[in-house]
């Protein structure tokens, strides 16, 4: 058997980490887009199917849920930029890498 290559691989960042590193307006656009998609686009696409009418109703009722998740990321990233320190590290229970 050849040697292990575990040490050579980079860990892939999660979507949450990528969004926390992105500007605040990226999460704001995702919040708006997810609300529009779940409240208007998906119900319009499924309107002709009578079997999926319940799914259409549920999409409209819960369109706020993914939008709220992205809006929370807007607050985290915006607060991080406004305060000048890493709120995300503090909220995650880690230590700040920069000296205070």
C-alpha atoms as a PDB file:
ATOM      1  CA  UNK A   1       0.000   0.000   0.000  1.00  0.00           C
ATOM      2  CA  UNK A   2       1.140   3.497  -0.769  1.00  0.00           C
ATOM      3  CA  UNK A   3       1.448   6.215   1.840  1.00  0.00           C
ATOM      4  CA  UNK A   4      -1.548   8.070   3.137  1.00  0.00           C
ATOM      5  CA  UNK A   5      -2.556  11.232   1.313  1.00  0.00           C
ATOM      6  CA  UNK A   6      -4.776  12.589   4.062  1.00  0.00           C
ATOM      7  CA  UNK A   7      -2.338  15.365   4.941  1.00  0.00           C
ATOM      8  CA  UNK A   8      -2.176  16.629   1.356  1.00  0.00           C
ATOM      9  CA  UNK A   9      -5.877  17.374   0.991  1.00  0.00           C
ATOM     10  CA  UNK A  10      -7.352  20.753   1.835  1.00  0.00           C
ATOM     11  CA  UNK A  11     -10.587  20.830   3.742  1.00  0.00           C
ATOM     12  CA  UNK A  12     -13.490  22.156   1.757  1.00  0.00           C
ATOM     13  CA  UNK A  13     -15.175  25.179   3.299  1.00  0.00           C
ATOM     14  CA  UNK A  14     -18.844  24.878   4.105  1.00  0.00           C
ATOM     15  CA  UNK A  15     -21.414  27.148   2.485  1.00  0.00           C
ATOM     16  CA  UNK A  16     -21.897  28.941   5.793  1.00  0.00           C
ATOM     17  CA  UNK A  17     -18.189  29.782   6.032  1.00  0.00           C
ATOM     18  CA  UNK A  18     -18.157  31.035   2.459  1.00  0.00           C
ATOM     19  CA  UNK A  19     -21.162  33.281   3.151  1.00  0.00           C
ATOM     20  CA  UNK A  20     -19.585  34.588   6.358  1.00  0.00           C
ATOM     21  CA  UNK A  21     -16.483  35.561   4.375  1.00  0.00           C
ATOM     22  CA  UNK A  22     -18.547  37.207   1.610  1.00  0.00           C
ATOM     23  CA  UNK A  23     -19.801  40.814   1.783  1.00  0.00           C
ATOM     24  CA  UNK A  24     -23.085  41.386   3.642  1.00  0.00           C
ATOM     25  CA  UNK A  25     -25.003  42.230   0.478  1.00  0.00           C
ATOM     26  CA  UNK A  26     -24.464  38.712  -0.898  1.00  0.00           C
ATOM     27  CA  UNK A  27     -26.532  37.271   1.945  1.00  0.00           C
ATOM     28  CA  UNK A  28     -29.079  40.085   1.516  1.00  0.00           C
ATOM     29  CA  UNK A  29     -29.514  39.182  -2.159  1.00  0.00           C
ATOM     30  CA  UNK A  30     -29.851  35.506  -1.252  1.00  0.00           C
ATOM     31  CA  UNK A  31     -32.503  36.370   1.343  1.00  0.00           C
ATOM     32  CA  UNK A  32     -34.506  38.342  -1.200  1.00  0.00           C
ATOM     33  CA  UNK A  33     -34.057  35.713  -3.922  1.00  0.00           C
ATOM     34  CA  UNK A  34     -35.080  32.839  -1.656  1.00  0.00           C
ATOM     35  CA  UNK A  35     -38.222  34.687  -0.561  1.00  0.00           C
ATOM     36  CA  UNK A  36     -39.214  35.471  -4.153  1.00  0.00           C
ATOM     37  CA  UNK A  37     -38.498  31.914  -5.289  1.00  0.00           C
ATOM     38  CA  UNK A  38     -40.466  30.216  -2.506  1.00  0.00           C
ATOM     39  CA  UNK A  39     -43.309  32.745  -2.465  1.00  0.00           C
ATOM     40  CA  UNK A  40     -43.832  33.343  -6.194  1.00  0.00           C
ATOM     41  CA  UNK A  41     -41.725  31.259  -8.596  1.00  0.00           C
ATOM     42  CA  UNK A  42     -42.264  27.757  -7.180  1.00  0.00           C
ATOM     43  CA  UNK A  43     -46.024  28.253  -6.663  1.00  0.00           C
ATOM     44  CA  UNK A  44     -46.371  29.627 -10.203  1.00  0.00           C
ATOM     45  CA  UNK A  45     -44.536  26.612 -11.616  1.00  0.00           C
ATOM     46  CA  UNK A  46     -46.725  24.163  -9.665  1.00  0.00           C
ATOM     47  CA  UNK A  47     -50.046  25.989 -10.098  1.00  0.00           C
ATOM     48  CA  UNK A  48     -51.209  23.762 -12.947  1.00  0.00           C
ATOM     49  CA  UNK A  49     -50.773  20.546 -10.945  1.00  0.00           C
ATOM     50  CA  UNK A  50     -53.750  19.923  -8.653  1.00  0.00           C
ATOM     51  CA  UNK A  51     -51.920  17.172  -6.754  1.00  0.00           C
ATOM     52  CA  UNK A  52     -49.205  19.594  -5.607  1.00  0.00           C
ATOM     53  CA  UNK A  53     -51.601  22.334  -4.463  1.00  0.00           C
ATOM     54  CA  UNK A  54     -50.693  21.610  -0.816  1.00  0.00           C
ATOM     55  CA  UNK A  55     -47.009  22.050  -1.580  1.00  0.00           C
ATOM     56  CA  UNK A  56     -47.794  25.415  -3.165  1.00  0.00           C
ATOM     57  CA  UNK A  57     -49.610  26.518  -0.019  1.00  0.00           C
ATOM     58  CA  UNK A  58     -46.758  25.358   2.208  1.00  0.00           C
ATOM     59  CA  UNK A  59     -44.202  27.175   0.045  1.00  0.00           C
ATOM     60  CA  UNK A  60     -46.098  30.423   0.448  1.00  0.00           C
ATOM     61  CA  UNK A  61     -46.555  29.927   4.198  1.00  0.00           C
ATOM     62  CA  UNK A  62     -42.912  29.118   4.892  1.00  0.00           C
ATOM     63  CA  UNK A  63     -41.172  31.397   2.368  1.00  0.00           C
ATOM     64  CA  UNK A  64     -39.895  33.466   5.293  1.00  0.00           C
ATOM     65  CA  UNK A  65     -37.785  30.619   6.760  1.00  0.00           C
ATOM     66  CA  UNK A  66     -34.834  30.535   4.308  1.00  0.00           C
ATOM     67  CA  UNK A  67     -35.019  34.325   3.949  1.00  0.00           C
ATOM     68  CA  UNK A  68     -34.657  34.671   7.732  1.00  0.00           C
ATOM     69  CA  UNK A  69     -31.598  32.419   7.737  1.00  0.00           C
ATOM     70  CA  UNK A  70     -29.870  34.585   5.131  1.00  0.00           C
ATOM     71  CA  UNK A  71     -30.996  37.769   6.918  1.00  0.00           C
ATOM     72  CA  UNK A  72     -29.327  36.478  10.093  1.00  0.00           C
ATOM     73  CA  UNK A  73     -26.101  36.083   8.109  1.00  0.00           C
ATOM     74  CA  UNK A  74     -26.516  39.702   6.932  1.00  0.00           C
ATOM     75  CA  UNK A  75     -26.613  40.776  10.571  1.00  0.00           C
ATOM     76  CA  UNK A  76     -23.564  38.698  11.456  1.00  0.00           C
ATOM     77  CA  UNK A  77     -21.445  39.927   8.555  1.00  0.00           C
ATOM     78  CA  UNK A  78     -22.693  43.521   8.790  1.00  0.00           C
ATOM     79  CA  UNK A  79     -22.113  43.614  12.538  1.00  0.00           C
ATOM     80  CA  UNK A  80     -18.675  42.114  12.038  1.00  0.00           C
ATOM     81  CA  UNK A  81     -17.772  44.850   9.553  1.00  0.00           C
ATOM     82  CA  UNK A  82     -19.317  47.604  11.675  1.00  0.00           C
ATOM     83  CA  UNK A  83     -17.654  46.642  14.943  1.00  0.00           C
ATOM     84  CA  UNK A  84     -14.326  45.787  13.361  1.00  0.00           C
ATOM     85  CA  UNK A  85     -13.889  42.486  15.141  1.00  0.00           C
ATOM     86  CA  UNK A  86     -14.943  38.967  14.418  1.00  0.00           C
ATOM     87  CA  UNK A  87     -18.403  38.389  15.890  1.00  0.00           C
ATOM     88  CA  UNK A  88     -18.617  35.084  14.091  1.00  0.00           C
ATOM     89  CA  UNK A  89     -15.635  33.677  15.967  1.00  0.00           C
ATOM     90  CA  UNK A  90     -16.996  34.904  19.305  1.00  0.00           C
ATOM     91  CA  UNK A  91     -20.460  33.459  18.602  1.00  0.00           C
ATOM     92  CA  UNK A  92     -18.957  30.162  17.468  1.00  0.00           C
ATOM     93  CA  UNK A  93     -17.117  29.840  20.774  1.00  0.00           C
ATOM     94  CA  UNK A  94     -13.648  30.145  19.290  1.00  0.00           C
ATOM     95  CA  UNK A  95     -10.856  32.542  20.054  1.00  0.00           C
ATOM     96  CA  UNK A  96     -10.072  35.659  18.089  1.00  0.00           C
ATOM     97  CA  UNK A  97      -6.876  35.411  16.098  1.00  0.00           C
ATOM     98  CA  UNK A  98      -6.169  39.167  16.234  1.00  0.00           C
ATOM     99  CA  UNK A  99      -4.939  40.864  19.368  1.00  0.00           C
ATOM    100  CA  UNK A 100      -7.537  43.153  20.937  1.00  0.00           C
END
